[in-house]
Amino acid sequence: MTECVALTKDMLKNPIRIQVDDESLDFARAKQLADEEAKKVTADPMLLAWYNAKTGDFSPPVTCCGEDRPTWLIYAESRGGTICIDINEEEFVFVYRPFD
């Protein structure tokens, strides 16, 4: 089986970049910040995918791999995910679909 592609910043389409200077930043707080930022773009954003570089976890847990991008990112973009929130240079990434 081919190894999945690692995320790089050039894979993200028009990301909204947020820098948080807090070493204790965890997933829950990062998601809260991303949700707030996404709501500035659309009234009712739908979270389609996320990535946590600290743990290597991502959702959805798609098992097949893309050749040029991580599968969770391919999944989100293929389902209308156009709002990308990048926190601390790919430490946490959240992809939303406008749903209004």
PDB file of N, CA and C in Angstrom:
ATOM      1  N   MET A   1       0.843  -1.188   0.000  1.00  0.00           N
ATOM      2  CA  MET A   1       0.000   0.000   0.000  1.00  0.00           C
ATOM      3  C   MET A   1       0.885   1.247   0.000  1.00  0.00           C
ATOM      4  N   THR A   2       0.515   2.225  -0.771  1.00  0.00           N
ATOM      5  CA  THR A   2       1.247   3.480  -0.872  1.00  0.00           C
ATOM      6  C   THR A   2       1.031   4.317   0.379  1.00  0.00           C
ATOM      7  N   GLU A   3       2.094   4.938   0.854  1.00  0.00           N
ATOM      8  CA  GLU A   3       1.975   5.829   2.002  1.00  0.00           C
ATOM      9  C   GLU A   3       1.190   7.075   1.619  1.00  0.00           C
ATOM     10  N   CYS A   4       0.407   7.575   2.549  1.00  0.00           N
ATOM     11  CA  CYS A   4      -0.367   8.782   2.278  1.00  0.00           C
ATOM     12  C   CYS A   4       0.553  10.000   2.185  1.00  0.00           C
ATOM     13  N   VAL A   5       0.129  10.943   1.413  1.00  0.00           N
ATOM     14  CA  VAL A   5       0.892  12.163   1.175  1.00  0.00           C
ATOM     15  C   VAL A   5       0.810  13.071   2.403  1.00  0.00           C
ATOM     16  N   ALA A   6       1.936  13.614   2.799  1.00  0.00           N
ATOM     17  CA  ALA A   6       1.976  14.557   3.928  1.00  0.00           C
ATOM     18  C   ALA A   6       1.489  15.925   3.474  1.00  0.00           C
ATOM     19  N   LEU A   7       0.786  16.609   4.352  1.00  0.00           N
ATOM     20  CA  LEU A   7       0.249  17.934   4.060  1.00  0.00           C
ATOM     21  C   LEU A   7       1.358  18.972   3.983  1.00  0.00           C
ATOM     22  N   THR A   8       1.271  19.839   2.968  1.00  0.00           N
ATOM     23  CA  THR A   8       2.140  21.012   2.871  1.00  0.00           C
ATOM     24  C   THR A   8       1.246  22.217   2.632  1.00  0.00           C
ATOM     25  N   LYS A   9       1.742  23.405   2.972  1.00  0.00           N
ATOM     26  CA  LYS A   9       0.917  24.611   2.875  1.00  0.00           C
ATOM     27  C   LYS A   9       0.463  24.906   1.456  1.00  0.00           C
ATOM     28  N   ASP A  10       1.238  24.518   0.443  1.00  0.00           N
ATOM     29  CA  ASP A  10       0.833  24.802  -0.934  1.00  0.00           C
ATOM     30  C   ASP A  10      -0.346  23.952  -1.391  1.00  0.00           C
ATOM     31  N   MET A  11      -0.729  22.938  -0.634  1.00  0.00           N
ATOM     32  CA  MET A  11      -1.888  22.107  -0.961  1.00  0.00           C
ATOM     33  C   MET A  11      -3.211  22.779  -0.584  1.00  0.00           C
ATOM     34  N   LEU A  12      -3.140  23.767   0.300  1.00  0.00           N
ATOM     35  CA  LEU A  12      -4.351  24.416   0.798  1.00  0.00           C
ATOM     36  C   LEU A  12      -4.754  25.551  -0.141  1.00  0.00           C
ATOM     37  N   LYS A  13      -6.024  25.525  -0.549  1.00  0.00           N
ATOM     38  CA  LYS A  13      -6.533  26.545  -1.467  1.00  0.00           C
ATOM     39  C   LYS A  13      -7.064  27.746  -0.691  1.00  0.00           C
ATOM     40  N   ASN A  14      -6.436  28.885  -0.895  1.00  0.00           N
ATOM     41  CA  ASN A  14      -6.865  30.146  -0.278  1.00  0.00           C
ATOM     42  C   ASN A  14      -7.148  30.017   1.218  1.00  0.00           C
ATOM     43  N   PRO A  15      -6.205  29.510   1.972  1.00  0.00           N
ATOM     44  CA  PRO A  15      -6.471  29.335   3.405  1.00  0.00           C
ATOM     45  C   PRO A  15      -6.539  30.654   4.160  1.00  0.00           C
ATOM     46  N   ILE A  16      -7.341  30.646   5.175  1.00  0.00           N
ATOM     47  CA  ILE A  16      -7.365  31.739   6.142  1.00  0.00           C
ATOM     48  C   ILE A  16      -6.379  31.311   7.216  1.00  0.00           C
ATOM     49  N   ARG A  17      -5.298  32.037   7.350  1.00  0.00           N
ATOM     50  CA  ARG A  17      -4.230  31.645   8.267  1.00  0.00           C
ATOM     51  C   ARG A  17      -4.371  32.389   9.601  1.00  0.00           C
ATOM     52  N   ILE A  18      -4.284  31.620  10.661  1.00  0.00           N
ATOM     53  CA  ILE A  18      -4.369  32.163  12.015  1.00  0.00           C
ATOM     54  C   ILE A  18      -3.112  31.730  12.766  1.00  0.00           C
ATOM     55  N   GLN A  19      -2.495  32.671  13.451  1.00  0.00           N
ATOM     56  CA  GLN A  19      -1.329  32.355  14.279  1.00  0.00           C
ATOM     57  C   GLN A  19      -1.733  32.531  15.737  1.00  0.00           C
ATOM     58  N   VAL A  20      -1.560  31.494  16.528  1.00  0.00           N
ATOM     59  CA  VAL A  20      -1.894  31.530  17.951  1.00  0.00           C
ATOM     60  C   VAL A  20      -0.617  31.251  18.737  1.00  0.00           C
ATOM     61  N   ASP A  21      -0.186  32.231  19.490  1.00  0.00           N
ATOM     62  CA  ASP A  21       1.037  32.088  20.283  1.00  0.00           C
ATOM     63  C   ASP A  21       0.700  31.528  21.657  1.00  0.00           C
ATOM     64  N   ASP A  22       0.432  30.221  21.671  1.00  0.00           N
ATOM     65  CA  ASP A  22       0.074  29.529  22.906  1.00  0.00           C
ATOM     66  C   ASP A  22       0.486  28.069  22.748  1.00  0.00           C
ATOM     67  N   GLU A  23       1.557  27.682  23.419  1.00  0.00           N
ATOM     68  CA  GLU A  23       2.070  26.321  23.292  1.00  0.00           C
ATOM     69  C   GLU A  23       1.087  25.277  23.801  1.00  0.00           C
ATOM     70  N   SER A  24       0.136  25.680  24.628  1.00  0.00           N
ATOM     71  CA  SER A  24      -0.840  24.728  25.160  1.00  0.00           C
ATOM     72  C   SER A  24      -2.085  24.615  24.285  1.00  0.00           C
ATOM     73  N   LEU A  25      -2.056  25.232  23.095  1.00  0.00           N
ATOM     74  CA  LEU A  25      -3.200  25.155  22.188  1.00  0.00           C
ATOM     75  C   LEU A  25      -3.518  23.697  21.892  1.00  0.00           C
ATOM     76  N   ASP A  26      -4.761  23.306  22.180  1.00  0.00           N
ATOM     77  CA  ASP A  26      -5.181  21.934  21.908  1.00  0.00           C
ATOM     78  C   ASP A  26      -6.236  21.911  20.808  1.00  0.00           C
ATOM     79  N   PHE A  27      -6.639  20.713  20.423  1.00  0.00           N
ATOM     80  CA  PHE A  27      -7.583  20.555  19.332  1.00  0.00           C
ATOM     81  C   PHE A  27      -8.900  21.278  19.604  1.00  0.00           C
ATOM     82  N   ALA A  28      -9.438  21.128  20.802  1.00  0.00           N
ATOM     83  CA  ALA A  28     -10.741  21.736  21.124  1.00  0.00           C
ATOM     84  C   ALA A  28     -10.696  23.254  20.954  1.00  0.00           C
ATOM     85  N   ARG A  29      -9.661  23.877  21.453  1.00  0.00           N
ATOM     86  CA  ARG A  29      -9.540  25.342  21.329  1.00  0.00           C
ATOM     87  C   ARG A  29      -9.285  25.741  19.878  1.00  0.00           C
ATOM     88  N   ALA A  30      -8.464  24.980  19.169  1.00  0.00           N
ATOM     89  CA  ALA A  30      -8.210  25.266  17.753  1.00  0.00           C
ATOM     90  C   ALA A  30      -9.504  25.170  16.950  1.00  0.00           C
ATOM     91  N   LYS A  31     -10.320  24.154  17.225  1.00  0.00           N
ATOM     92  CA  LYS A  31     -11.592  24.004  16.516  1.00  0.00           C
ATOM     93  C   LYS A  31     -12.522  25.169  16.821  1.00  0.00           C
ATOM     94  N   GLN A  32     -12.555  25.604  18.064  1.00  0.00           N
ATOM     95  CA  GLN A  32     -13.380  26.745  18.440  1.00  0.00           C
ATOM     96  C   GLN A  32     -12.958  27.989  17.660  1.00  0.00           C
ATOM     97  N   LEU A  33     -11.659  28.219  17.572  1.00  0.00           N
ATOM     98  CA  LEU A  33     -11.150  29.373  16.816  1.00  0.00           C
ATOM     99  C   LEU A  33     -11.499  29.248  15.334  1.00  0.00           C
ATOM    100  N   ALA A  34     -11.356  28.059  14.791  1.00  0.00           N
ATOM    101  CA  ALA A  34     -11.670  27.835  13.373  1.00  0.00           C
ATOM    102  C   ALA A  34     -13.161  28.021  13.108  1.00  0.00           C
ATOM    103  N   ASP A  35     -14.007  27.509  14.001  1.00  0.00           N
ATOM    104  CA  ASP A  35     -15.459  27.688  13.853  1.00  0.00           C
ATOM    105  C   ASP A  35     -15.815  29.175  13.820  1.00  0.00           C
ATOM    106  N   GLU A  36     -15.233  29.936  14.725  1.00  0.00           N
ATOM    107  CA  GLU A  36     -15.499  31.379  14.787  1.00  0.00           C
ATOM    108  C   GLU A  36     -15.063  32.072  13.504  1.00  0.00           C
ATOM    109  N   GLU A  37     -13.901  31.701  12.992  1.00  0.00           N
ATOM    110  CA  GLU A  37     -13.382  32.313  11.762  1.00  0.00           C
ATOM    111  C   GLU A  37     -14.242  31.942  10.555  1.00  0.00           C
ATOM    112  N   ALA A  38     -14.672  30.691  10.489  1.00  0.00           N
ATOM    113  CA  ALA A  38     -15.517  30.233   9.377  1.00  0.00           C
ATOM    114  C   ALA A  38     -16.857  30.963   9.380  1.00  0.00           C
ATOM    115  N   LYS A  39     -17.375  31.278  10.567  1.00  0.00           N
ATOM    116  CA  LYS A  39     -18.654  31.995  10.665  1.00  0.00           C
ATOM    117  C   LYS A  39     -18.550  33.437  10.201  1.00  0.00           C
ATOM    118  N   LYS A  40     -17.324  33.941  10.079  1.00  0.00           N
ATOM    119  CA  LYS A  40     -17.134  35.274   9.505  1.00  0.00           C
ATOM    120  C   LYS A  40     -17.298  35.238   7.987  1.00  0.00           C
ATOM    121  N   VAL A  41     -17.131  34.055   7.404  1.00  0.00           N
ATOM    122  CA  VAL A  41     -17.230  33.883   5.951  1.00  0.00           C
ATOM    123  C   VAL A  41     -18.646  33.509   5.533  1.00  0.00           C
ATOM    124  N   THR A  42     -19.291  32.662   6.314  1.00  0.00           N
ATOM    125  CA  THR A  42     -20.639  32.194   6.000  1.00  0.00           C
ATOM    126  C   THR A  42     -21.398  31.973   7.300  1.00  0.00           C
ATOM    127  N   ALA A  43     -22.687  32.224   7.270  1.00  0.00           N
ATOM    128  CA  ALA A  43     -23.488  32.159   8.489  1.00  0.00           C
ATOM    129  C   ALA A  43     -23.554  30.756   9.098  1.00  0.00           C
ATOM    130  N   ASP A  44     -23.523  29.744   8.251  1.00  0.00           N
ATOM    131  CA  ASP A  44     -23.722  28.381   8.744  1.00  0.00           C
ATOM    132  C   ASP A  44     -22.712  27.422   8.114  1.00  0.00           C
ATOM    133  N   PRO A  45     -21.442  27.489   8.532  1.00  0.00           N
ATOM    134  CA  PRO A  45     -20.438  26.610   7.936  1.00  0.00           C
ATOM    135  C   PRO A  45     -20.602  25.161   8.396  1.00  0.00           C
ATOM    136  N   MET A  46     -20.341  24.228   7.486  1.00  0.00           N
ATOM    137  CA  MET A  46     -20.399  22.800   7.807  1.00  0.00           C
ATOM    138  C   MET A  46     -18.977  22.248   7.766  1.00  0.00           C
ATOM    139  N   LEU A  47     -18.503  21.743   8.895  1.00  0.00           N
ATOM    140  CA  LEU A  47     -17.166  21.172   8.957  1.00  0.00           C
ATOM    141  C   LEU A  47     -17.151  19.847   8.206  1.00  0.00           C
ATOM    142  N   LEU A  48     -16.266  19.747   7.201  1.00  0.00           N
ATOM    143  CA  LEU A  48     -16.164  18.528   6.405  1.00  0.00           C
ATOM    144  C   LEU A  48     -14.936  17.693   6.764  1.00  0.00           C
ATOM    145  N   ALA A  49     -13.849  18.344   7.143  1.00  0.00           N
ATOM    146  CA  ALA A  49     -12.627  17.603   7.437  1.00  0.00           C
ATOM    147  C   ALA A  49     -11.725  18.435   8.339  1.00  0.00           C
ATOM    148  N   TRP A  50     -10.853  17.738   9.049  1.00  0.00           N
ATOM    149  CA  TRP A  50      -9.870  18.412   9.885  1.00  0.00           C
ATOM    150  C   TRP A  50      -8.606  17.566   9.985  1.00  0.00           C
ATOM    151  N   TYR A  51      -7.525  18.237  10.388  1.00  0.00           N
ATOM    152  CA  TYR A  51      -6.227  17.587  10.547  1.00  0.00           C
ATOM    153  C   TYR A  51      -5.535  18.155  11.770  1.00  0.00           C
ATOM    154  N   ASN A  52      -4.946  17.285  12.567  1.00  0.00           N
ATOM    155  CA  ASN A  52      -4.225  17.668  13.772  1.00  0.00           C
ATOM    156  C   ASN A  52      -2.789  17.161  13.621  1.00  0.00           C
ATOM    157  N   ALA A  53      -1.861  18.039  13.292  1.00  0.00           N
ATOM    158  CA  ALA A  53      -0.467  17.642  13.085  1.00  0.00           C
ATOM    159  C   ALA A  53       0.206  17.188  14.378  1.00  0.00           C
ATOM    160  N   LYS A  54      -0.282  17.671  15.519  1.00  0.00           N
ATOM    161  CA  LYS A  54       0.324  17.274  16.796  1.00  0.00           C
ATOM    162  C   LYS A  54       0.199  15.771  17.017  1.00  0.00           C
ATOM    163  N   THR A  55      -0.942  15.208  16.609  1.00  0.00           N
ATOM    164  CA  THR A  55      -1.199  13.785  16.838  1.00  0.00           C
ATOM    165  C   THR A  55      -1.158  12.957  15.552  1.00  0.00           C
ATOM    166  N   GLY A  56      -1.275  13.636  14.409  1.00  0.00           N
ATOM    167  CA  GLY A  56      -1.357  12.923  13.130  1.00  0.00           C
ATOM    168  C   GLY A  56      -2.765  12.476  12.807  1.00  0.00           C
ATOM    169  N   ASP A  57      -3.721  12.813  13.664  1.00  0.00           N
ATOM    170  CA  ASP A  57      -5.119  12.420  13.451  1.00  0.00           C
ATOM    171  C   ASP A  57      -5.770  13.300  12.403  1.00  0.00           C
ATOM    172  N   PHE A  58      -6.769  12.756  11.713  1.00  0.00           N
ATOM    173  CA  PHE A  58      -7.540  13.507  10.734  1.00  0.00           C
ATOM    174  C   PHE A  58      -8.920  12.885  10.613  1.00  0.00           C
ATOM    175  N   SER A  59      -9.817  13.657  10.061  1.00  0.00           N
ATOM    176  CA  SER A  59     -11.179  13.193   9.837  1.00  0.00           C
ATOM    177  C   SER A  59     -11.692  13.817   8.555  1.00  0.00           C
ATOM    178  N   PRO A  60     -12.425  13.069   7.758  1.00  0.00           N
ATOM    179  CA  PRO A  60     -12.830  11.692   7.987  1.00  0.00           C
ATOM    180  C   PRO A  60     -11.648  10.743   7.826  1.00  0.00           C
ATOM    181  N   PRO A  61     -11.731   9.585   8.489  1.00  0.00           N
ATOM    182  CA  PRO A  61     -10.630   8.623   8.442  1.00  0.00           C
ATOM    183  C   PRO A  61     -10.654   7.805   7.143  1.00  0.00           C
ATOM    184  N   VAL A  62     -10.467   8.491   6.040  1.00  0.00           N
ATOM    185  CA  VAL A  62     -10.478   7.852   4.728  1.00  0.00           C
ATOM    186  C   VAL A  62      -9.185   7.049   4.597  1.00  0.00           C
ATOM    187  N   THR A  63      -9.299   5.800   4.190  1.00  0.00           N
ATOM    188  CA  THR A  63      -8.127   4.922   4.176  1.00  0.00           C
ATOM    189  C   THR A  63      -7.359   4.912   2.860  1.00  0.00           C
ATOM    190  N   CYS A  64      -8.000   5.214   1.757  1.00  0.00           N
ATOM    191  CA  CYS A  64      -7.267   5.224   0.492  1.00  0.00           C
ATOM    192  C   CYS A  64      -6.479   6.532   0.391  1.00  0.00           C
ATOM    193  N   CYS A  65      -5.443   6.513  -0.380  1.00  0.00           N
ATOM    194  CA  CYS A  65      -4.580   7.692  -0.444  1.00  0.00           C
ATOM    195  C   CYS A  65      -4.607   8.334  -1.818  1.00  0.00           C
ATOM    196  N   GLY A  66      -4.595   9.661  -1.824  1.00  0.00           N
ATOM    197  CA  GLY A  66      -4.480  10.395  -3.069  1.00  0.00           C
ATOM    198  C   GLY A  66      -3.018  10.467  -3.471  1.00  0.00           C
ATOM    199  N   GLU A  67      -2.775  10.782  -4.694  1.00  0.00           N
ATOM    200  CA  GLU A  67      -1.401  10.848  -5.172  1.00  0.00           C
ATOM    201  C   GLU A  67      -0.740  12.194  -4.897  1.00  0.00           C
ATOM    202  N   ASP A  68      -1.551  13.254  -4.785  1.00  0.00           N
ATOM    203  CA  ASP A  68      -0.955  14.579  -4.651  1.00  0.00           C
ATOM    204  C   ASP A  68      -1.386  15.347  -3.416  1.00  0.00           C
ATOM    205  N   ARG A  69      -2.375  14.837  -2.692  1.00  0.00           N
ATOM    206  CA  ARG A  69      -2.869  15.505  -1.484  1.00  0.00           C
ATOM    207  C   ARG A  69      -3.392  14.455  -0.511  1.00  0.00           C
ATOM    208  N   PRO A  70      -3.452  14.786   0.779  1.00  0.00           N
ATOM    209  CA  PRO A  70      -4.032  13.853   1.749  1.00  0.00           C
ATOM    210  C   PRO A  70      -5.507  13.584   1.422  1.00  0.00           C
ATOM    211  N   THR A  71      -5.954  12.379   1.694  1.00  0.00           N
ATOM    212  CA  THR A  71      -7.321  12.000   1.321  1.00  0.00           C
ATOM    213  C   THR A  71      -8.387  12.792   2.073  1.00  0.00           C
ATOM    214  N   TRP A  72      -8.125  13.171   3.323  1.00  0.00           N
ATOM    215  CA  TRP A  72      -9.121  13.945   4.050  1.00  0.00           C
ATOM    216  C   TRP A  72      -9.347  15.290   3.363  1.00  0.00           C
ATOM    217  N   LEU A  73      -8.280  15.851   2.768  1.00  0.00           N
ATOM    218  CA  LEU A  73      -8.392  17.123   2.056  1.00  0.00           C
ATOM    219  C   LEU A  73      -9.127  16.931   0.728  1.00  0.00           C
ATOM    220  N   ILE A  74      -8.805  15.874   0.013  1.00  0.00           N
ATOM    221  CA  ILE A  74      -9.511  15.548  -1.234  1.00  0.00           C
ATOM    222  C   ILE A  74     -10.998  15.361  -0.953  1.00  0.00           C
ATOM    223  N   TYR A  75     -11.316  14.634   0.115  1.00  0.00           N
ATOM    224  CA  TYR A  75     -12.703  14.395   0.519  1.00  0.00           C
ATOM    225  C   TYR A  75     -13.448  15.718   0.708  1.00  0.00           C
ATOM    226  N   ALA A  76     -12.864  16.612   1.496  1.00  0.00           N
ATOM    227  CA  ALA A  76     -13.522  17.886   1.800  1.00  0.00           C
ATOM    228  C   ALA A  76     -13.717  18.735   0.553  1.00  0.00           C
ATOM    229  N   GLU A  77     -12.679  18.864  -0.251  1.00  0.00           N
ATOM    230  CA  GLU A  77     -12.775  19.706  -1.448  1.00  0.00           C
ATOM    231  C   GLU A  77     -13.763  19.139  -2.460  1.00  0.00           C
ATOM    232  N   SER A  78     -13.852  17.823  -2.557  1.00  0.00           N
ATOM    233  CA  SER A  78     -14.776  17.216  -3.515  1.00  0.00           C
ATOM    234  C   SER A  78     -16.229  17.326  -3.065  1.00  0.00           C
ATOM    235  N   ARG A  79     -16.446  17.740  -1.836  1.00  0.00           N
ATOM    236  CA  ARG A  79     -17.791  17.906  -1.307  1.00  0.00           C
ATOM    237  C   ARG A  79     -18.129  19.365  -1.032  1.00  0.00           C
ATOM    238  N   GLY A  80     -17.400  20.262  -1.669  1.00  0.00           N
ATOM    239  CA  GLY A  80     -17.707  21.690  -1.574  1.00  0.00           C
ATOM    240  C   GLY A  80     -16.967  22.444  -0.503  1.00  0.00           C
ATOM    241  N   GLY A  81     -15.960  21.839   0.076  1.00  0.00           N
ATOM    242  CA  GLY A  81     -15.182  22.516   1.114  1.00  0.00           C
ATOM    243  C   GLY A  81     -14.310  23.597   0.511  1.00  0.00           C
ATOM    244  N   THR A  82     -14.712  24.835   0.698  1.00  0.00           N
ATOM    245  CA  THR A  82     -13.983  25.965   0.128  1.00  0.00           C
ATOM    246  C   THR A  82     -13.441  26.914   1.185  1.00  0.00           C
ATOM    247  N   ILE A  83     -13.802  26.694   2.430  1.00  0.00           N
ATOM    248  CA  ILE A  83     -13.316  27.534   3.521  1.00  0.00           C
ATOM    249  C   ILE A  83     -12.279  26.723   4.295  1.00  0.00           C
ATOM    250  N   CYS A  84     -11.042  27.136   4.178  1.00  0.00           N
ATOM    251  CA  CYS A  84      -9.936  26.413   4.811  1.00  0.00           C
ATOM    252  C   CYS A  84      -9.324  27.300   5.882  1.00  0.00           C
ATOM    253  N   ILE A  85      -9.327  26.816   7.114  1.00  0.00           N
ATOM    254  CA  ILE A  85      -8.739  27.540   8.227  1.00  0.00           C
ATOM    255  C   ILE A  85      -7.455  26.815   8.622  1.00  0.00           C
ATOM    256  N   ASP A  86      -6.337  27.519   8.527  1.00  0.00           N
ATOM    257  CA  ASP A  86      -5.015  26.967   8.818  1.00  0.00           C
ATOM    258  C   ASP A  86      -4.486  27.643  10.073  1.00  0.00           C
ATOM    259  N   ILE A  87      -4.350  26.889  11.141  1.00  0.00           N
ATOM    260  CA  ILE A  87      -3.891  27.444  12.409  1.00  0.00           C
ATOM    261  C   ILE A  87      -2.448  27.016  12.662  1.00  0.00           C
ATOM    262  N   ASN A  88      -1.610  28.008  12.887  1.00  0.00           N
ATOM    263  CA  ASN A  88      -0.192  27.799  13.214  1.00  0.00           C
ATOM    264  C   ASN A  88       0.548  26.990  12.147  1.00  0.00           C
ATOM    265  N   GLU A  89       0.385  27.422  10.912  1.00  0.00           N
ATOM    266  CA  GLU A  89       1.134  26.831   9.801  1.00  0.00           C
ATOM    267  C   GLU A  89       0.972  25.318   9.724  1.00  0.00           C
ATOM    268  N   GLU A  90      -0.259  24.897   9.513  1.00  0.00           N
ATOM    269  CA  GLU A  90      -0.653  23.499   9.325  1.00  0.00           C
ATOM    270  C   GLU A  90      -0.589  22.651  10.592  1.00  0.00           C
ATOM    271  N   GLU A  91      -0.527  23.289  11.759  1.00  0.00           N
ATOM    272  CA  GLU A  91      -0.598  22.522  13.006  1.00  0.00           C
ATOM    273  C   GLU A  91      -2.007  21.953  13.162  1.00  0.00           C
ATOM    274  N   PHE A  92      -2.997  22.783  12.834  1.00  0.00           N
ATOM    275  CA  PHE A  92      -4.393  22.363  12.788  1.00  0.00           C
ATOM    276  C   PHE A  92      -4.985  22.937  11.506  1.00  0.00           C
ATOM    277  N   VAL A  93      -5.715  22.117  10.769  1.00  0.00           N
ATOM    278  CA  VAL A  93      -6.389  22.576   9.553  1.00  0.00           C
ATOM    279  C   VAL A  93      -7.826  22.099   9.606  1.00  0.00           C
ATOM    280  N   PHE A  94      -8.750  23.001   9.275  1.00  0.00           N
ATOM    281  CA  PHE A  94     -10.178  22.698   9.252  1.00  0.00           C
ATOM    282  C   PHE A  94     -10.728  23.154   7.907  1.00  0.00           C
ATOM    283  N   VAL A  95     -11.535  22.309   7.283  1.00  0.00           N
ATOM    284  CA  VAL A  95     -12.125  22.655   5.983  1.00  0.00           C
ATOM    285  C   VAL A  95     -13.642  22.599   6.118  1.00  0.00           C
ATOM    286  N   TYR A  96     -14.284  23.705   5.734  1.00  0.00           N
ATOM    287  CA  TYR A  96     -15.728  23.863   5.864  1.00  0.00           C
ATOM    288  C   TYR A  96     -16.368  24.073   4.502  1.00  0.00           C
ATOM    289  N   ARG A  97     -17.636  23.749   4.461  1.00  0.00           N
ATOM    290  CA  ARG A  97     -18.465  24.037   3.296  1.00  0.00           C
ATOM    291  C   ARG A  97     -19.450  25.118   3.692  1.00  0.00           C
ATOM    292  N   PRO A  98     -19.605  26.145   2.846  1.00  0.00           N
ATOM    293  CA  PRO A  98     -20.657  27.134   3.132  1.00  0.00           C
ATOM    294  C   PRO A  98     -22.008  26.433   3.026  1.00  0.00           C
ATOM    295  N   PHE A  99     -22.849  26.634   3.991  1.00  0.00           N
ATOM    296  CA  PHE A  99     -24.134  25.931   4.008  1.00  0.00           C
ATOM    297  C   PHE A  99     -25.258  26.907   4.359  1.00  0.00           C
ATOM    298  N   ASP A 100     -25.422  27.926   3.479  1.00  0.00           N
ATOM    299  CA  ASP A 100     -26.530  28.869   3.720  1.00  0.00           C
ATOM    300  C   ASP A 100     -27.144  29.299   2.423  1.00  0.00           C
TER     301      ASP A 100
END
